[in-house]
C-alpha atoms as a PDB file:
ATOM      1  CA  MET A   1       0.023   0.023   0.038  1.00  0.00           C
ATOM      2  CA  GLU A   2       1.350   3.400  -1.003  1.00  0.00           C
ATOM      3  CA  ILE A   3      -0.155   6.755  -0.217  1.00  0.00           C
ATOM      4  CA  GLN A   4       0.157   8.807  -3.368  1.00  0.00           C
ATOM      5  CA  LYS A   5      -1.560  12.035  -2.288  1.00  0.00           C
ATOM      6  CA  SER A   6      -2.859  13.410   0.951  1.00  0.00           C
ATOM      7  CA  LYS A   7      -4.646  16.699   1.352  1.00  0.00           C
ATOM      8  CA  GLU A   8      -5.838  18.351   4.554  1.00  0.00           C
ATOM      9  CA  SER A   9      -9.320  19.861   4.550  1.00  0.00           C
ATOM     10  CA  LYS A  10      -9.533  21.737   7.844  1.00  0.00           C
ATOM     11  CA  LEU A  11     -12.925  23.290   7.119  1.00  0.00           C
ATOM     12  CA  LEU A  12     -14.517  19.892   6.679  1.00  0.00           C
ATOM     13  CA  GLY A  13     -12.451  18.233   9.394  1.00  0.00           C
ATOM     14  CA  ARG A  14     -10.965  15.563   7.232  1.00  0.00           C
ATOM     15  CA  ARG A  15      -7.972  14.428   5.182  1.00  0.00           C
ATOM     16  CA  GLU A  16      -8.480  13.378   1.526  1.00  0.00           C
ATOM     17  CA  VAL A  17      -6.197  10.517   0.694  1.00  0.00           C
ATOM     18  CA  LEU A  18      -5.360   8.781  -2.672  1.00  0.00           C
ATOM     19  CA  VAL A  19      -3.873   5.316  -2.169  1.00  0.00           C
ATOM     20  CA  LEU A  20      -2.307   2.797  -4.530  1.00  0.00           C
ATOM     21  CA  PHE A  21      -2.610  -0.902  -3.763  1.00  0.00           C
ATOM     22  CA  LYS A  22      -0.128  -2.712  -5.943  1.00  0.00           C
ATOM     23  CA  GLU A  23      -1.058  -6.107  -7.362  1.00  0.00           C
ATOM     24  CA  LYS A  24      -4.319  -6.254  -5.445  1.00  0.00           C
ATOM     25  CA  ALA A  25      -6.950  -6.135  -8.246  1.00  0.00           C
ATOM     26  CA  GLY A  26      -9.527  -8.861  -7.728  1.00  0.00           C
ATOM     27  CA  SER A  27      -8.231  -9.866  -4.248  1.00  0.00           C
ATOM     28  CA  LEU A  28      -8.903  -6.779  -2.110  1.00  0.00           C
ATOM     29  CA  THR A  29     -12.361  -6.123  -0.761  1.00  0.00           C
ATOM     30  CA  ARG A  30     -13.667  -2.653   0.166  1.00  0.00           C
ATOM     31  CA  ARG A  31     -13.603  -3.564   3.920  1.00  0.00           C
ATOM     32  CA  ASP A  32     -10.015  -4.722   3.686  1.00  0.00           C
ATOM     33  CA  ALA A  33      -9.033  -1.562   1.896  1.00  0.00           C
ATOM     34  CA  VAL A  34     -10.604   0.532   4.695  1.00  0.00           C
ATOM     35  CA  LYS A  35      -8.812  -1.595   7.341  1.00  0.00           C
ATOM     36  CA  GLU A  36      -5.394  -1.175   5.666  1.00  0.00           C
ATOM     37  CA  VAL A  37      -5.823   2.621   5.328  1.00  0.00           C
ATOM     38  CA  ALA A  38      -6.917   2.841   8.998  1.00  0.00           C
ATOM     39  CA  GLN A  39      -3.839   0.935  10.121  1.00  0.00           C
ATOM     40  CA  GLU A  40      -1.546   3.001   7.929  1.00  0.00           C
ATOM     41  CA  MET A  41      -2.981   6.339   9.113  1.00  0.00           C
ATOM     42  CA  LYS A  42      -3.259   5.039  12.755  1.00  0.00           C
ATOM     43  CA  VAL A  43      -6.927   5.900  13.146  1.00  0.00           C
ATOM     44  CA  GLU A  44     -10.080   3.905  13.892  1.00  0.00           C
ATOM     45  CA  GLU A  45     -11.809   2.239  11.004  1.00  0.00           C
ATOM     46  CA  LYS A  46     -15.007   4.152  11.896  1.00  0.00           C
ATOM     47  CA  ARG A  47     -13.311   7.373  10.880  1.00  0.00           C
ATOM     48  CA  VAL A  48     -12.233   6.161   7.391  1.00  0.00           C
ATOM     49  CA  GLY A  49     -14.716   6.574   4.506  1.00  0.00           C
ATOM     50  CA  LEU A  50     -14.168   4.876   1.193  1.00  0.00           C
ATOM     51  CA  ILE A  51     -15.202   7.101  -1.745  1.00  0.00           C
ATOM     52  CA  SER A  52     -14.030   4.930  -4.701  1.00  0.00           C
ATOM     53  CA  LEU A  53     -11.888   1.892  -5.439  1.00  0.00           C
ATOM     54  CA  TYR A  54     -10.994   1.200  -9.005  1.00  0.00           C
ATOM     55  CA  SER A  55      -8.282  -0.572 -11.046  1.00  0.00           C
ATOM     56  CA  GLU A  56      -5.931   1.170 -13.390  1.00  0.00           C
ATOM     57  CA  ALA A  57      -6.084   0.146 -17.033  1.00  0.00           C
ATOM     58  CA  GLY A  58      -3.555  -2.508 -17.987  1.00  0.00           C
ATOM     59  CA  THR A  59      -2.309  -3.140 -14.407  1.00  0.00           C
ATOM     60  CA  ARG A  60      -3.245  -5.290 -11.447  1.00  0.00           C
ATOM     61  CA  SER A  61      -3.124  -2.248  -9.239  1.00  0.00           C
ATOM     62  CA  LEU A  62      -6.054  -0.613  -7.417  1.00  0.00           C
ATOM     63  CA  VAL A  63      -6.463   3.044  -6.675  1.00  0.00           C
ATOM     64  CA  GLY A  64      -8.595   4.087  -3.733  1.00  0.00           C
ATOM     65  CA  ARG A  65      -9.934   7.503  -2.729  1.00  0.00           C
ATOM     66  CA  PHE A  66     -10.626   7.850   0.974  1.00  0.00           C
ATOM     67  CA  HIS A  67     -11.690  10.532   3.398  1.00  0.00           C
ATOM     68  CA  VAL A  68     -10.164  10.212   6.895  1.00  0.00           C
ATOM     69  CA  TYR A  69     -12.208  12.248   9.341  1.00  0.00           C
ATOM     70  CA  ASP A  70     -11.036  14.026  12.531  1.00  0.00           C
ATOM     71  CA  SER A  71     -13.903  12.556  14.576  1.00  0.00           C
ATOM     72  CA  GLU A  72     -16.793  10.088  14.177  1.00  0.00           C
ATOM     73  CA  GLU A  73     -19.221  12.937  14.599  1.00  0.00           C
ATOM     74  CA  SER A  74     -17.891  14.802  11.570  1.00  0.00           C
ATOM     75  CA  MET A  75     -17.992  11.606   9.577  1.00  0.00           C
ATOM     76  CA  LYS A  76     -21.676  11.055  10.387  1.00  0.00           C
ATOM     77  CA  ARG A  77     -22.447  14.598   9.480  1.00  0.00           C
ATOM     78  CA  LEU A  78     -20.564  14.768   6.209  1.00  0.00           C
ATOM     79  CA  HIS A  79     -20.076  11.272   4.777  1.00  0.00           C
ATOM     80  CA  GLN A  80     -22.868  10.103   2.416  1.00  0.00           C
ATOM     81  CA  ASP A  81     -24.927   7.162   3.722  1.00  0.00           C
ATOM     82  CA  TYR A  82     -24.872   5.241   0.505  1.00  0.00           C
ATOM     83  CA  LEU A  83     -21.076   5.063   0.622  1.00  0.00           C
ATOM     84  CA  SER A  84     -21.253   3.425   4.075  1.00  0.00           C
ATOM     85  CA  VAL A  85     -23.857   0.889   2.855  1.00  0.00           C
ATOM     86  CA  ARG A  86     -21.427  -0.310   0.196  1.00  0.00           C
ATOM     87  CA  LEU A  87     -19.220  -1.680   2.905  1.00  0.00           C
ATOM     88  CA  LEU A  88     -21.913  -3.900   4.418  1.00  0.00           C
ATOM     89  CA  THR A  89     -22.345  -7.605   3.574  1.00  0.00           C
ATOM     90  CA  LYS A  90     -25.374  -8.778   1.678  1.00  0.00           C
ATOM     91  CA  GLU A  91     -27.059  -9.968   4.874  1.00  0.00           C
ATOM     92  CA  GLU A  92     -26.410  -6.655   6.703  1.00  0.00           C
ATOM     93  CA  ARG A  93     -27.773  -4.654   3.735  1.00  0.00           C
ATOM     94  CA  GLU A  94     -30.939  -6.784   3.684  1.00  0.00           C
ATOM     95  CA  LYS A  95     -31.460  -6.286   7.422  1.00  0.00           C
ATOM     96  CA  LEU A  96     -31.008  -2.564   7.083  1.00  0.00           C
ATOM     97  CA  LYS A  97     -33.479  -2.506   4.239  1.00  0.00           C
ATOM     98  CA  GLN A  98     -36.102  -4.408   6.272  1.00  0.00           C
ATOM     99  CA  GLU A  99     -35.593  -2.063   9.273  1.00  0.00           C
ATOM    100  CA  LYS A 100     -36.073   1.022   7.036  1.00  0.00           C
ATOM    101  CA  LYS A 101     -39.164  -0.498   5.486  1.00  0.00           C
ATOM    102  CA  LYS A 102     -40.611  -1.171   8.998  1.00  0.00           C
ATOM    103  CA  ALA A 103     -39.906   2.351  10.130  1.00  0.00           C
ATOM    104  CA  GLU A 104     -41.716   3.824   7.086  1.00  0.00           C
ATOM    105  CA  GLN A 105     -44.927   1.843   7.642  1.00  0.00           C
ATOM    106  CA  PRO A 106     -47.663   3.848   9.285  1.00  0.00           C
ATOM    107  CA  LYS A 107     -48.449   2.635  12.807  1.00  0.00           C
ATOM    108  CA  ALA A 108     -51.871   1.113  13.426  1.00  0.00           C
ATOM    109  CA  LYS A 109     -54.030   2.715  16.081  1.00  0.00           C
END
């Protein structure tokens, strides 16, 4: 894992990071990528948000864009919910969908 670019955004309370994962195309999951970045930056996984993970043309390398937040509170406030849902397993996503559906149903009197 190699950090190619890191930019501090003090107004938003986060660091925008561009990471290169050499020879990891097809073998690295989104969750594993978040774990590696959290370990490298020495922060909790809860404060690392994955924006995109894509492979470079003609190579087996992956490029990842991450936001590393100063606090969990700022992550909850700024990080888009759909990006967090991408990290969930199929079962966790289904459970979240069912809970959301239950909450939307009008309550009987």
